């Protein structure tokens, strides 16, 4: 198996699904409806967040950063979300607890789900 590629992933509001950016060049390398990541960090760029709040217009400023891996199943996954008007970071939907990283992450049409190690 090839070495996993480090990427930035964000929801694509225009095309649907997710845009996948190369972590070194920040260029879009793919679009997918389902993405599987390992060793994930959840990042929110504060300037972009401030602009969304000020202008009331969405921009790309929140990402899942990790390594693309083959499909896996996760029965005990927790759903997380990010709302720039309500949260400063990604949070667990049920508990509201801040989420900065995760062992594994699945992004699909139902949202973003994490697997804690």
PDB file of N, CA and C in Angstrom:
ATOM      1  N   UNK A   1       0.847  -1.199   0.000  1.00  0.00           N
ATOM      2  CA  UNK A   1       0.000   0.000   0.000  1.00  0.00           C
ATOM      3  C   UNK A   1       0.880   1.247   0.000  1.00  0.00           C
ATOM      4  N   UNK A   2       0.461   2.251  -0.741  1.00  0.00           N
ATOM      5  CA  UNK A   2       1.203   3.503  -0.802  1.00  0.00           C
ATOM      6  C   UNK A   2       1.145   4.216   0.539  1.00  0.00           C
ATOM      7  N   UNK A   3       2.108   5.116   0.756  1.00  0.00           N
ATOM      8  CA  UNK A   3       2.102   5.939   1.954  1.00  0.00           C
ATOM      9  C   UNK A   3       0.882   6.850   1.912  1.00  0.00           C
ATOM     10  N   UNK A   4       0.129   6.931   3.016  1.00  0.00           N
ATOM     11  CA  UNK A   4      -1.054   7.808   3.018  1.00  0.00           C
ATOM     12  C   UNK A   4      -0.669   9.257   2.735  1.00  0.00           C
ATOM     13  N   UNK A   5      -1.521   9.966   2.031  1.00  0.00           N
ATOM     14  CA  UNK A   5      -1.277  11.349   1.647  1.00  0.00           C
ATOM     15  C   UNK A   5      -1.964  12.285   2.637  1.00  0.00           C
ATOM     16  N   UNK A   6      -1.201  13.270   3.136  1.00  0.00           N
ATOM     17  CA  UNK A   6      -1.781  14.251   4.048  1.00  0.00           C
ATOM     18  C   UNK A   6      -2.571  15.278   3.242  1.00  0.00           C
ATOM     19  N   UNK A   7      -3.796  15.535   3.698  1.00  0.00           N
ATOM     20  CA  UNK A   7      -4.700  16.426   2.974  1.00  0.00           C
ATOM     21  C   UNK A   7      -5.489  17.318   3.923  1.00  0.00           C
ATOM     22  N   UNK A   8      -6.038  18.373   3.347  1.00  0.00           N
ATOM     23  CA  UNK A   8      -7.027  19.225   3.995  1.00  0.00           C
ATOM     24  C   UNK A   8      -8.354  18.908   3.318  1.00  0.00           C
ATOM     25  N   UNK A   9      -9.416  18.738   4.100  1.00  0.00           N
ATOM     26  CA  UNK A   9     -10.727  18.426   3.530  1.00  0.00           C
ATOM     27  C   UNK A   9     -11.746  19.429   4.069  1.00  0.00           C
ATOM     28  N   UNK A  10     -12.559  19.960   3.156  1.00  0.00           N
ATOM     29  CA  UNK A  10     -13.645  20.842   3.577  1.00  0.00           C
ATOM     30  C   UNK A  10     -14.878  20.558   2.747  1.00  0.00           C
ATOM     31  N   UNK A  11     -16.024  20.874   3.298  1.00  0.00           N
ATOM     32  CA  UNK A  11     -17.297  20.681   2.592  1.00  0.00           C
ATOM     33  C   UNK A  11     -17.353  21.659   1.417  1.00  0.00           C
ATOM     34  N   UNK A  12     -17.741  21.141   0.265  1.00  0.00           N
ATOM     35  CA  UNK A  12     -17.869  21.974  -0.920  1.00  0.00           C
ATOM     36  C   UNK A  12     -19.338  22.389  -1.051  1.00  0.00           C
ATOM     37  N   UNK A  13     -19.631  23.627  -0.739  1.00  0.00           N
ATOM     38  CA  UNK A  13     -21.002  24.108  -0.729  1.00  0.00           C
ATOM     39  C   UNK A  13     -21.575  24.314  -2.130  1.00  0.00           C
ATOM     40  N   UNK A  14     -20.718  24.436  -3.139  1.00  0.00           N
ATOM     41  CA  UNK A  14     -21.189  24.670  -4.503  1.00  0.00           C
ATOM     42  C   UNK A  14     -21.465  23.369  -5.252  1.00  0.00           C
ATOM     43  N   UNK A  15     -20.547  22.399  -5.138  1.00  0.00           N
ATOM     44  CA  UNK A  15     -20.679  21.132  -5.863  1.00  0.00           C
ATOM     45  C   UNK A  15     -21.296  20.025  -5.027  1.00  0.00           C
ATOM     46  N   UNK A  16     -21.339  20.223  -3.708  1.00  0.00           N
ATOM     47  CA  UNK A  16     -21.740  19.150  -2.811  1.00  0.00           C
ATOM     48  C   UNK A  16     -20.532  18.272  -2.538  1.00  0.00           C
ATOM     49  N   UNK A  17     -20.636  17.413  -1.572  1.00  0.00           N
ATOM     50  CA  UNK A  17     -19.513  16.546  -1.220  1.00  0.00           C
ATOM     51  C   UNK A  17     -18.394  17.325  -0.561  1.00  0.00           C
ATOM     52  N   UNK A  18     -17.166  16.857  -0.799  1.00  0.00           N
ATOM     53  CA  UNK A  18     -15.994  17.431  -0.134  1.00  0.00           C
ATOM     54  C   UNK A  18     -14.879  17.719  -1.125  1.00  0.00           C
ATOM     55  N   UNK A  19     -14.193  18.830  -0.910  1.00  0.00           N
ATOM     56  CA  UNK A  19     -12.996  19.160  -1.669  1.00  0.00           C
ATOM     57  C   UNK A  19     -11.798  18.650  -0.879  1.00  0.00           C
ATOM     58  N   UNK A  20     -10.852  18.050  -1.586  1.00  0.00           N
ATOM     59  CA  UNK A  20      -9.646  17.512  -0.965  1.00  0.00           C
ATOM     60  C   UNK A  20      -8.456  18.302  -1.502  1.00  0.00           C
ATOM     61  N   UNK A  21      -7.703  18.931  -0.583  1.00  0.00           N
ATOM     62  CA  UNK A  21      -6.560  19.753  -0.963  1.00  0.00           C
ATOM     63  C   UNK A  21      -5.268  19.077  -0.518  1.00  0.00           C
ATOM     64  N   UNK A  22      -4.246  19.139  -1.365  1.00  0.00           N
ATOM     65  CA  UNK A  22      -2.920  18.650  -0.998  1.00  0.00           C
ATOM     66  C   UNK A  22      -2.391  19.517   0.135  1.00  0.00           C
ATOM     67  N   UNK A  23      -1.857  18.905   1.189  1.00  0.00           N
ATOM     68  CA  UNK A  23      -1.398  19.647   2.367  1.00  0.00           C
ATOM     69  C   UNK A  23      -0.161  20.487   2.082  1.00  0.00           C
ATOM     70  N   UNK A  24       0.603  20.138   1.056  1.00  0.00           N
ATOM     71  CA  UNK A  24       1.815  20.906   0.738  1.00  0.00           C
ATOM     72  C   UNK A  24       1.524  22.084  -0.173  1.00  0.00           C
ATOM     73  N   UNK A  25       0.664  21.890  -1.159  1.00  0.00           N
ATOM     74  CA  UNK A  25       0.422  22.933  -2.154  1.00  0.00           C
ATOM     75  C   UNK A  25      -0.875  23.698  -1.923  1.00  0.00           C
ATOM     76  N   UNK A  26      -1.769  23.150  -1.112  1.00  0.00           N
ATOM     77  CA  UNK A  26      -3.103  23.722  -0.862  1.00  0.00           C
ATOM     78  C   UNK A  26      -3.943  23.801  -2.139  1.00  0.00           C
ATOM     79  N   UNK A  27      -3.616  22.971  -3.122  1.00  0.00           N
ATOM     80  CA  UNK A  27      -4.389  22.906  -4.358  1.00  0.00           C
ATOM     81  C   UNK A  27      -5.382  21.762  -4.270  1.00  0.00           C
ATOM     82  N   UNK A  28      -6.564  21.972  -4.863  1.00  0.00           N
ATOM     83  CA  UNK A  28      -7.576  20.917  -4.884  1.00  0.00           C
ATOM     84  C   UNK A  28      -7.076  19.776  -5.762  1.00  0.00           C
ATOM     85  N   UNK A  29      -7.074  18.561  -5.183  1.00  0.00           N
ATOM     86  CA  UNK A  29      -6.616  17.397  -5.944  1.00  0.00           C
ATOM     87  C   UNK A  29      -7.756  16.430  -6.246  1.00  0.00           C
ATOM     88  N   UNK A  30      -8.897  16.602  -5.583  1.00  0.00           N
ATOM     89  CA  UNK A  30     -10.002  15.690  -5.817  1.00  0.00           C
ATOM     90  C   UNK A  30     -11.276  16.239  -5.167  1.00  0.00           C
ATOM     91  N   UNK A  31     -12.411  15.694  -5.617  1.00  0.00           N
ATOM     92  CA  UNK A  31     -13.715  15.931  -5.008  1.00  0.00           C
ATOM     93  C   UNK A  31     -14.308  14.567  -4.713  1.00  0.00           C
ATOM     94  N   UNK A  32     -14.818  14.365  -3.520  1.00  0.00           N
ATOM     95  CA  UNK A  32     -15.400  13.083  -3.148  1.00  0.00           C
ATOM     96  C   UNK A  32     -16.667  13.310  -2.328  1.00  0.00           C
ATOM     97  N   UNK A  33     -17.547  12.312  -2.359  1.00  0.00           N
ATOM     98  CA  UNK A  33     -18.754  12.350  -1.534  1.00  0.00           C
ATOM     99  C   UNK A  33     -18.518  11.669  -0.195  1.00  0.00           C
ATOM    100  N   UNK A  34     -17.412  10.909  -0.095  1.00  0.00           N
ATOM    101  CA  UNK A  34     -17.085  10.201   1.139  1.00  0.00           C
ATOM    102  C   UNK A  34     -15.565  10.155   1.266  1.00  0.00           C
ATOM    103  N   UNK A  35     -15.063  10.560   2.442  1.00  0.00           N
ATOM    104  CA  UNK A  35     -13.621  10.618   2.684  1.00  0.00           C
ATOM    105  C   UNK A  35     -13.323   9.955   4.018  1.00  0.00           C
ATOM    106  N   UNK A  36     -12.254   9.154   4.048  1.00  0.00           N
ATOM    107  CA  UNK A  36     -11.814   8.467   5.261  1.00  0.00           C
ATOM    108  C   UNK A  36     -10.417   8.966   5.616  1.00  0.00           C
ATOM    109  N   UNK A  37     -10.274   9.458   6.851  1.00  0.00           N
ATOM    110  CA  UNK A  37      -9.003  10.028   7.303  1.00  0.00           C
ATOM    111  C   UNK A  37      -8.542   9.377   8.594  1.00  0.00           C
ATOM    112  N   UNK A  38      -7.216   9.398   8.812  1.00  0.00           N
ATOM    113  CA  UNK A  38      -6.612   8.980  10.088  1.00  0.00           C
ATOM    114  C   UNK A  38      -5.718  10.096  10.594  1.00  0.00           C
ATOM    115  N   UNK A  39      -5.454  10.069  11.914  1.00  0.00           N
ATOM    116  CA  UNK A  39      -4.614  11.079  12.568  1.00  0.00           C
ATOM    117  C   UNK A  39      -5.090  12.479  12.187  1.00  0.00           C
ATOM    118  N   UNK A  40      -6.312  12.769  12.560  1.00  0.00           N
ATOM    119  CA  UNK A  40      -7.019  13.960  12.087  1.00  0.00           C
ATOM    120  C   UNK A  40      -6.938  15.103  13.088  1.00  0.00           C
ATOM    121  N   UNK A  41      -6.712  16.301  12.565  1.00  0.00           N
ATOM    122  CA  UNK A  41      -6.820  17.545  13.329  1.00  0.00           C
ATOM    123  C   UNK A  41      -7.964  18.338  12.722  1.00  0.00           C
ATOM    124  N   UNK A  42      -8.735  19.019  13.549  1.00  0.00           N
ATOM    125  CA  UNK A  42      -9.814  19.868  13.072  1.00  0.00           C
ATOM    126  C   UNK A  42      -9.388  21.314  13.285  1.00  0.00           C
ATOM    127  N   UNK A  43      -9.244  22.042  12.191  1.00  0.00           N
ATOM    128  CA  UNK A  43      -8.709  23.405  12.245  1.00  0.00           C
ATOM    129  C   UNK A  43      -9.729  24.420  11.767  1.00  0.00           C
ATOM    130  N   UNK A  44      -9.750  25.547  12.468  1.00  0.00           N
ATOM    131  CA  UNK A  44     -10.595  26.679  12.088  1.00  0.00           C
ATOM    132  C   UNK A  44      -9.688  27.897  12.003  1.00  0.00           C
ATOM    133  N   UNK A  45      -9.657  28.501  10.824  1.00  0.00           N
ATOM    134  CA  UNK A  45      -8.857  29.718  10.648  1.00  0.00           C
ATOM    135  C   UNK A  45      -9.650  30.885  11.231  1.00  0.00           C
ATOM    136  N   UNK A  46      -9.081  31.525  12.237  1.00  0.00           N
ATOM    137  CA  UNK A  46      -9.793  32.563  12.990  1.00  0.00           C
ATOM    138  C   UNK A  46     -10.163  33.775  12.130  1.00  0.00           C
ATOM    139  N   UNK A  47      -9.280  34.162  11.209  1.00  0.00           N
ATOM    140  CA  UNK A  47      -9.595  35.316  10.364  1.00  0.00           C
ATOM    141  C   UNK A  47     -10.810  35.008   9.485  1.00  0.00           C
ATOM    142  N   UNK A  48     -10.820  33.831   8.874  1.00  0.00           N
ATOM    143  CA  UNK A  48     -11.951  33.437   8.040  1.00  0.00           C
ATOM    144  C   UNK A  48     -13.243  33.381   8.832  1.00  0.00           C
ATOM    145  N   UNK A  49     -13.133  32.867  10.050  1.00  0.00           N
ATOM    146  CA  UNK A  49     -14.303  32.795  10.932  1.00  0.00           C
ATOM    147  C   UNK A  49     -14.825  34.204  11.251  1.00  0.00           C
ATOM    148  N   UNK A  50     -13.912  35.115  11.549  1.00  0.00           N
ATOM    149  CA  UNK A  50     -14.305  36.492  11.856  1.00  0.00           C
ATOM    150  C   UNK A  50     -14.991  37.153  10.660  1.00  0.00           C
ATOM    151  N   UNK A  51     -14.510  36.874   9.453  1.00  0.00           N
ATOM    152  CA  UNK A  51     -15.113  37.446   8.257  1.00  0.00           C
ATOM    153  C   UNK A  51     -16.531  36.900   8.034  1.00  0.00           C
ATOM    154  N   UNK A  52     -16.728  35.605   8.285  1.00  0.00           N
ATOM    155  CA  UNK A  52     -18.069  35.023   8.163  1.00  0.00           C
ATOM    156  C   UNK A  52     -19.018  35.719   9.125  1.00  0.00           C
ATOM    157  N   UNK A  53     -18.578  35.895  10.348  1.00  0.00           N
ATOM    158  CA  UNK A  53     -19.437  36.522  11.362  1.00  0.00           C
ATOM    159  C   UNK A  53     -19.728  37.985  11.030  1.00  0.00           C
ATOM    160  N   UNK A  54     -18.760  38.673  10.487  1.00  0.00           N
ATOM    161  CA  UNK A  54     -18.925  40.086  10.160  1.00  0.00           C
ATOM    162  C   UNK A  54     -19.779  40.280   8.909  1.00  0.00           C
ATOM    163  N   UNK A  55     -19.462  39.530   7.838  1.00  0.00           N
ATOM    164  CA  UNK A  55     -20.118  39.731   6.553  1.00  0.00           C
ATOM    165  C   UNK A  55     -21.375  38.888   6.361  1.00  0.00           C
ATOM    166  N   UNK A  56     -21.577  37.900   7.252  1.00  0.00           N
ATOM    167  CA  UNK A  56     -22.713  36.972   7.125  1.00  0.00           C
ATOM    168  C   UNK A  56     -22.678  36.253   5.773  1.00  0.00           C
ATOM    169  N   UNK A  57     -21.465  35.943   5.330  1.00  0.00           N
ATOM    170  CA  UNK A  57     -21.263  35.244   4.063  1.00  0.00           C
ATOM    171  C   UNK A  57     -20.212  34.158   4.280  1.00  0.00           C
ATOM    172  N   UNK A  58     -20.535  32.935   3.876  1.00  0.00           N
ATOM    173  CA  UNK A  58     -19.637  31.809   4.116  1.00  0.00           C
ATOM    174  C   UNK A  58     -18.370  31.900   3.268  1.00  0.00           C
ATOM    175  N   UNK A  59     -17.260  31.401   3.836  1.00  0.00           N
ATOM    176  CA  UNK A  59     -16.000  31.238   3.119  1.00  0.00           C
ATOM    177  C   UNK A  59     -15.325  29.986   3.664  1.00  0.00           C
ATOM    178  N   UNK A  60     -14.345  29.487   2.941  1.00  0.00           N
ATOM    179  CA  UNK A  60     -13.654  28.269   3.369  1.00  0.00           C
ATOM    180  C   UNK A  60     -12.641  28.633   4.445  1.00  0.00           C
ATOM    181  N   UNK A  61     -12.889  28.165   5.670  1.00  0.00           N
ATOM    182  CA  UNK A  61     -11.959  28.467   6.758  1.00  0.00           C
ATOM    183  C   UNK A  61     -11.881  27.350   7.810  1.00  0.00           C
ATOM    184  N   UNK A  62     -12.608  26.250   7.600  1.00  0.00           N
ATOM    185  CA  UNK A  62     -12.613  25.142   8.557  1.00  0.00           C
ATOM    186  C   UNK A  62     -12.313  23.846   7.814  1.00  0.00           C
ATOM    187  N   UNK A  63     -11.402  23.041   8.390  1.00  0.00           N
ATOM    188  CA  UNK A  63     -10.904  21.857   7.702  1.00  0.00           C
ATOM    189  C   UNK A  63     -10.735  20.671   8.645  1.00  0.00           C
ATOM    190  N   UNK A  64     -10.814  19.485   8.070  1.00  0.00           N
ATOM    191  CA  UNK A  64     -10.300  18.270   8.698  1.00  0.00           C
ATOM    192  C   UNK A  64      -8.964  18.026   8.009  1.00  0.00           C
ATOM    193  N   UNK A  65      -7.902  17.906   8.781  1.00  0.00           N
ATOM    194  CA  UNK A  65      -6.564  17.704   8.228  1.00  0.00           C
ATOM    195  C   UNK A  65      -6.078  16.345   8.686  1.00  0.00           C
ATOM    196  N   UNK A  66      -5.736  15.490   7.729  1.00  0.00           N
ATOM    197  CA  UNK A  66      -5.288  14.153   8.094  1.00  0.00           C
ATOM    198  C   UNK A  66      -4.764  13.397   6.897  1.00  0.00           C
ATOM    199  N   UNK A  67      -4.685  12.080   7.049  1.00  0.00           N
ATOM    200  CA  UNK A  67      -4.133  11.208   6.023  1.00  0.00           C
ATOM    201  C   UNK A  67      -5.243  10.350   5.433  1.00  0.00           C
ATOM    202  N   UNK A  68      -5.388  10.403   4.110  1.00  0.00           N
ATOM    203  CA  UNK A  68      -6.406   9.596   3.424  1.00  0.00           C
ATOM    204  C   UNK A  68      -6.065   8.124   3.585  1.00  0.00           C
ATOM    205  N   UNK A  69      -7.069   7.329   3.970  1.00  0.00           N
ATOM    206  CA  UNK A  69      -6.902   5.887   4.129  1.00  0.00           C
ATOM    207  C   UNK A  69      -8.054   5.166   3.441  1.00  0.00           C
ATOM    208  N   UNK A  70      -7.923   3.848   3.342  1.00  0.00           N
ATOM    209  CA  UNK A  70      -8.984   3.025   2.768  1.00  0.00           C
ATOM    210  C   UNK A  70     -10.220   3.060   3.656  1.00  0.00           C
ATOM    211  N   UNK A  71     -11.346   2.736   3.051  1.00  0.00           N
ATOM    212  CA  UNK A  71     -12.627   2.719   3.756  1.00  0.00           C
ATOM    213  C   UNK A  71     -12.562   1.814   4.985  1.00  0.00           C
ATOM    214  N   UNK A  72     -13.185   2.260   6.073  1.00  0.00           N
ATOM    215  CA  UNK A  72     -13.277   1.472   7.296  1.00  0.00           C
ATOM    216  C   UNK A  72     -14.668   1.646   7.877  1.00  0.00           C
ATOM    217  N   UNK A  73     -15.060   0.733   8.741  1.00  0.00           N
ATOM    218  CA  UNK A  73     -16.351   0.860   9.408  1.00  0.00           C
ATOM    219  C   UNK A  73     -16.137   1.343  10.833  1.00  0.00           C
ATOM    220  N   UNK A  74     -17.089   2.078  11.322  1.00  0.00           N
ATOM    221  CA  UNK A  74     -16.983   2.640  12.667  1.00  0.00           C
ATOM    222  C   UNK A  74     -18.362   2.623  13.319  1.00  0.00           C
ATOM    223  N   UNK A  75     -18.617   1.611  14.113  1.00  0.00           N
ATOM    224  CA  UNK A  75     -19.920   1.476  14.761  1.00  0.00           C
ATOM    225  C   UNK A  75     -20.118   2.446  15.916  1.00  0.00           C
ATOM    226  N   UNK A  76     -19.010   2.856  16.548  1.00  0.00           N
ATOM    227  CA  UNK A  76     -19.113   3.724  17.728  1.00  0.00           C
ATOM    228  C   UNK A  76     -18.694   5.164  17.425  1.00  0.00           C
ATOM    229  N   UNK A  77     -18.905   5.599  16.188  1.00  0.00           N
ATOM    230  CA  UNK A  77     -18.494   6.941  15.786  1.00  0.00           C
ATOM    231  C   UNK A  77     -19.392   8.007  16.407  1.00  0.00           C
ATOM    232  N   UNK A  78     -18.800   9.153  16.706  1.00  0.00           N
ATOM    233  CA  UNK A  78     -19.518  10.301  17.253  1.00  0.00           C
ATOM    234  C   UNK A  78     -19.647  11.363  16.176  1.00  0.00           C
ATOM    235  N   UNK A  79     -20.827  11.938  16.031  1.00  0.00           N
ATOM    236  CA  UNK A  79     -21.032  12.988  15.033  1.00  0.00           C
ATOM    237  C   UNK A  79     -20.511  14.309  15.579  1.00  0.00           C
ATOM    238  N   UNK A  80     -19.765  15.035  14.720  1.00  0.00           N
ATOM    239  CA  UNK A  80     -19.298  16.364  15.098  1.00  0.00           C
ATOM    240  C   UNK A  80     -19.789  17.370  14.070  1.00  0.00           C
ATOM    241  N   UNK A  81     -19.735  18.634  14.449  1.00  0.00           N
ATOM    242  CA  UNK A  81     -20.196  19.695  13.562  1.00  0.00           C
ATOM    243  C   UNK A  81     -19.390  20.958  13.813  1.00  0.00           C
ATOM    244  N   UNK A  82     -19.534  21.900  12.899  1.00  0.00           N
ATOM    245  CA  UNK A  82     -18.945  23.222  13.079  1.00  0.00           C
ATOM    246  C   UNK A  82     -19.911  24.245  12.498  1.00  0.00           C
ATOM    247  N   UNK A  83     -20.279  25.211  13.294  1.00  0.00           N
ATOM    248  CA  UNK A  83     -21.138  26.313  12.869  1.00  0.00           C
ATOM    249  C   UNK A  83     -20.415  27.606  13.241  1.00  0.00           C
ATOM    250  N   UNK A  84     -19.960  28.376  12.258  1.00  0.00           N
ATOM    251  CA  UNK A  84     -19.163  29.565  12.574  1.00  0.00           C
ATOM    252  C   UNK A  84     -19.900  30.616  13.392  1.00  0.00           C
ATOM    253  N   UNK A  85     -21.226  30.575  13.380  1.00  0.00           N
ATOM    254  CA  UNK A  85     -21.997  31.545  14.154  1.00  0.00           C
ATOM    255  C   UNK A  85     -22.194  31.097  15.603  1.00  0.00           C
ATOM    256  N   UNK A  86     -22.103  29.785  15.836  1.00  0.00           N
ATOM    257  CA  UNK A  86     -22.376  29.252  17.171  1.00  0.00           C
ATOM    258  C   UNK A  86     -21.151  28.709  17.891  1.00  0.00           C
ATOM    259  N   UNK A  87     -20.115  28.326  17.147  1.00  0.00           N
ATOM    260  CA  UNK A  87     -18.952  27.664  17.752  1.00  0.00           C
ATOM    261  C   UNK A  87     -17.643  28.296  17.282  1.00  0.00           C
ATOM    262  N   UNK A  88     -16.637  28.199  18.122  1.00  0.00           N
ATOM    263  CA  UNK A  88     -15.293  28.633  17.736  1.00  0.00           C
ATOM    264  C   UNK A  88     -14.478  27.483  17.161  1.00  0.00           C
ATOM    265  N   UNK A  89     -14.891  26.248  17.459  1.00  0.00           N
ATOM    266  CA  UNK A  89     -14.190  25.053  17.006  1.00  0.00           C
ATOM    267  C   UNK A  89     -15.229  24.016  16.585  1.00  0.00           C
ATOM    268  N   UNK A  90     -14.748  22.876  16.102  1.00  0.00           N
ATOM    269  CA  UNK A  90     -15.639  21.740  15.870  1.00  0.00           C
ATOM    270  C   UNK A  90     -16.086  21.218  17.233  1.00  0.00           C
ATOM    271  N   UNK A  91     -17.318  20.719  17.316  1.00  0.00           N
ATOM    272  CA  UNK A  91     -17.850  20.204  18.577  1.00  0.00           C
ATOM    273  C   UNK A  91     -18.630  18.912  18.329  1.00  0.00           C
ATOM    274  N   UNK A  92     -18.696  18.063  19.371  1.00  0.00           N
ATOM    275  CA  UNK A  92     -19.549  16.881  19.315  1.00  0.00           C
ATOM    276  C   UNK A  92     -21.000  17.352  19.336  1.00  0.00           C
ATOM    277  N   UNK A  93     -21.827  16.766  18.489  1.00  0.00           N
ATOM    278  CA  UNK A  93     -23.228  17.180  18.386  1.00  0.00           C
ATOM    279  C   UNK A  93     -23.973  16.938  19.692  1.00  0.00           C
ATOM    280  N   UNK A  94     -23.816  15.759  20.268  1.00  0.00           N
ATOM    281  CA  UNK A  94     -24.570  15.420  21.480  1.00  0.00           C
ATOM    282  C   UNK A  94     -24.134  16.188  22.715  1.00  0.00           C
ATOM    283  N   UNK A  95     -22.828  16.233  22.967  1.00  0.00           N
ATOM    284  CA  UNK A  95     -22.341  16.817  24.211  1.00  0.00           C
ATOM    285  C   UNK A  95     -21.969  18.289  24.100  1.00  0.00           C
ATOM    286  N   UNK A  96     -21.685  18.763  22.887  1.00  0.00           N
ATOM    287  CA  UNK A  96     -21.215  20.130  22.715  1.00  0.00           C
ATOM    288  C   UNK A  96     -19.746  20.281  23.053  1.00  0.00           C
ATOM    289  N   UNK A  97     -19.067  19.173  23.349  1.00  0.00           N
ATOM    290  CA  UNK A  97     -17.660  19.181  23.726  1.00  0.00           C
ATOM    291  C   UNK A  97     -16.770  19.516  22.522  1.00  0.00           C
ATOM    292  N   UNK A  98     -15.778  20.367  22.752  1.00  0.00           N
ATOM    293  CA  UNK A  98     -14.825  20.767  21.714  1.00  0.00           C
ATOM    294  C   UNK A  98     -14.061  19.560  21.185  1.00  0.00           C
ATOM    295  N   UNK A  99     -13.851  19.517  19.870  1.00  0.00           N
ATOM    296  CA  UNK A  99     -13.089  18.439  19.238  1.00  0.00           C
ATOM    297  C   UNK A  99     -11.971  19.068  18.411  1.00  0.00           C
ATOM    298  N   UNK A 100     -10.731  18.777  18.780  1.00  0.00           N
ATOM    299  CA  UNK A 100      -9.581  19.316  18.060  1.00  0.00           C
ATOM    300  C   UNK A 100      -8.858  18.255  17.245  1.00  0.00           C
ATOM    301  N   UNK A 101      -9.020  16.990  17.636  1.00  0.00           N
ATOM    302  CA  UNK A 101      -8.346  15.913  16.913  1.00  0.00           C
ATOM    303  C   UNK A 101      -9.065  14.601  17.119  1.00  0.00           C
ATOM    304  N   UNK A 102      -8.709  13.627  16.276  1.00  0.00           N
ATOM    305  CA  UNK A 102      -9.330  12.320  16.352  1.00  0.00           C
ATOM    306  C   UNK A 102      -8.421  11.290  15.703  1.00  0.00           C
ATOM    307  N   UNK A 103      -8.544  10.042  16.151  1.00  0.00           N
ATOM    308  CA  UNK A 103      -7.792   8.935  15.548  1.00  0.00           C
ATOM    309  C   UNK A 103      -8.256   8.716  14.117  1.00  0.00           C
ATOM    310  N   UNK A 104      -9.558   8.652  13.913  1.00  0.00           N
ATOM    311  CA  UNK A 104     -10.134   8.450  12.586  1.00  0.00           C
ATOM    312  C   UNK A 104     -11.342   9.350  12.387  1.00  0.00           C
ATOM    313  N   UNK A 105     -11.651   9.590  11.117  1.00  0.00           N
ATOM    314  CA  UNK A 105     -12.767  10.471  10.770  1.00  0.00           C
ATOM    315  C   UNK A 105     -13.383  10.000   9.460  1.00  0.00           C
ATOM    316  N   UNK A 106     -14.706  10.034   9.400  1.00  0.00           N
ATOM    317  CA  UNK A 106     -15.440   9.749   8.174  1.00  0.00           C
ATOM    318  C   UNK A 106     -16.246  10.998   7.833  1.00  0.00           C
ATOM    319  N   UNK A 107     -16.091  11.476   6.611  1.00  0.00           N
ATOM    320  CA  UNK A 107     -16.890  12.599   6.120  1.00  0.00           C
ATOM    321  C   UNK A 107     -17.744  12.072   4.980  1.00  0.00           C
ATOM    322  N   UNK A 108     -19.061  12.242   5.093  1.00  0.00           N
ATOM    323  CA  UNK A 108     -19.955  11.768   4.042  1.00  0.00           C
ATOM    324  C   UNK A 108     -21.195  12.658   3.985  1.00  0.00           C
ATOM    325  N   UNK A 109     -22.212  12.229   3.238  1.00  0.00           N
ATOM    326  CA  UNK A 109     -23.410  13.050   3.056  1.00  0.00           C
ATOM    327  C   UNK A 109     -24.174  13.270   4.357  1.00  0.00           C
ATOM    328  N   UNK A 110     -23.932  12.429   5.364  1.00  0.00           N
ATOM    329  CA  UNK A 110     -24.615  12.569   6.659  1.00  0.00           C
ATOM    330  C   UNK A 110     -23.875  13.493   7.611  1.00  0.00           C
ATOM    331  N   UNK A 111     -22.623  13.862   7.281  1.00  0.00           N
ATOM    332  CA  UNK A 111     -21.851  14.750   8.121  1.00  0.00           C
ATOM    333  C   UNK A 111     -20.451  14.241   8.392  1.00  0.00           C
ATOM    334  N   UNK A 112     -19.928  14.639   9.528  1.00  0.00           N
ATOM    335  CA  UNK A 112     -18.570  14.270   9.938  1.00  0.00           C
ATOM    336  C   UNK A 112     -18.649  13.448  11.207  1.00  0.00           C
ATOM    337  N   UNK A 113     -17.984  12.296  11.199  1.00  0.00           N
ATOM    338  CA  UNK A 113     -18.020  11.361  12.323  1.00  0.00           C
ATOM    339  C   UNK A 113     -16.597  11.011  12.730  1.00  0.00           C
ATOM    340  N   UNK A 114     -16.349  10.997  14.047  1.00  0.00           N
ATOM    341  CA  UNK A 114     -15.007  10.699  14.540  1.00  0.00           C
ATOM    342  C   UNK A 114     -14.995   9.383  15.324  1.00  0.00           C
ATOM    343  N   UNK A 115     -13.819   8.765  15.326  1.00  0.00           N
ATOM    344  CA  UNK A 115     -13.572   7.566  16.104  1.00  0.00           C
ATOM    345  C   UNK A 115     -12.406   7.890  17.023  1.00  0.00           C
ATOM    346  N   UNK A 116     -12.664   7.859  18.318  1.00  0.00           N
ATOM    347  CA  UNK A 116     -11.596   8.070  19.282  1.00  0.00           C
ATOM    348  C   UNK A 116     -10.848   6.762  19.468  1.00  0.00           C
ATOM    349  N   UNK A 117      -9.569   6.844  19.650  1.00  0.00           N
ATOM    350  CA  UNK A 117      -8.746   5.643  19.803  1.00  0.00           C
ATOM    351  C   UNK A 117      -8.961   4.967  21.130  1.00  0.00           C
TER     352      UNK A 117
END
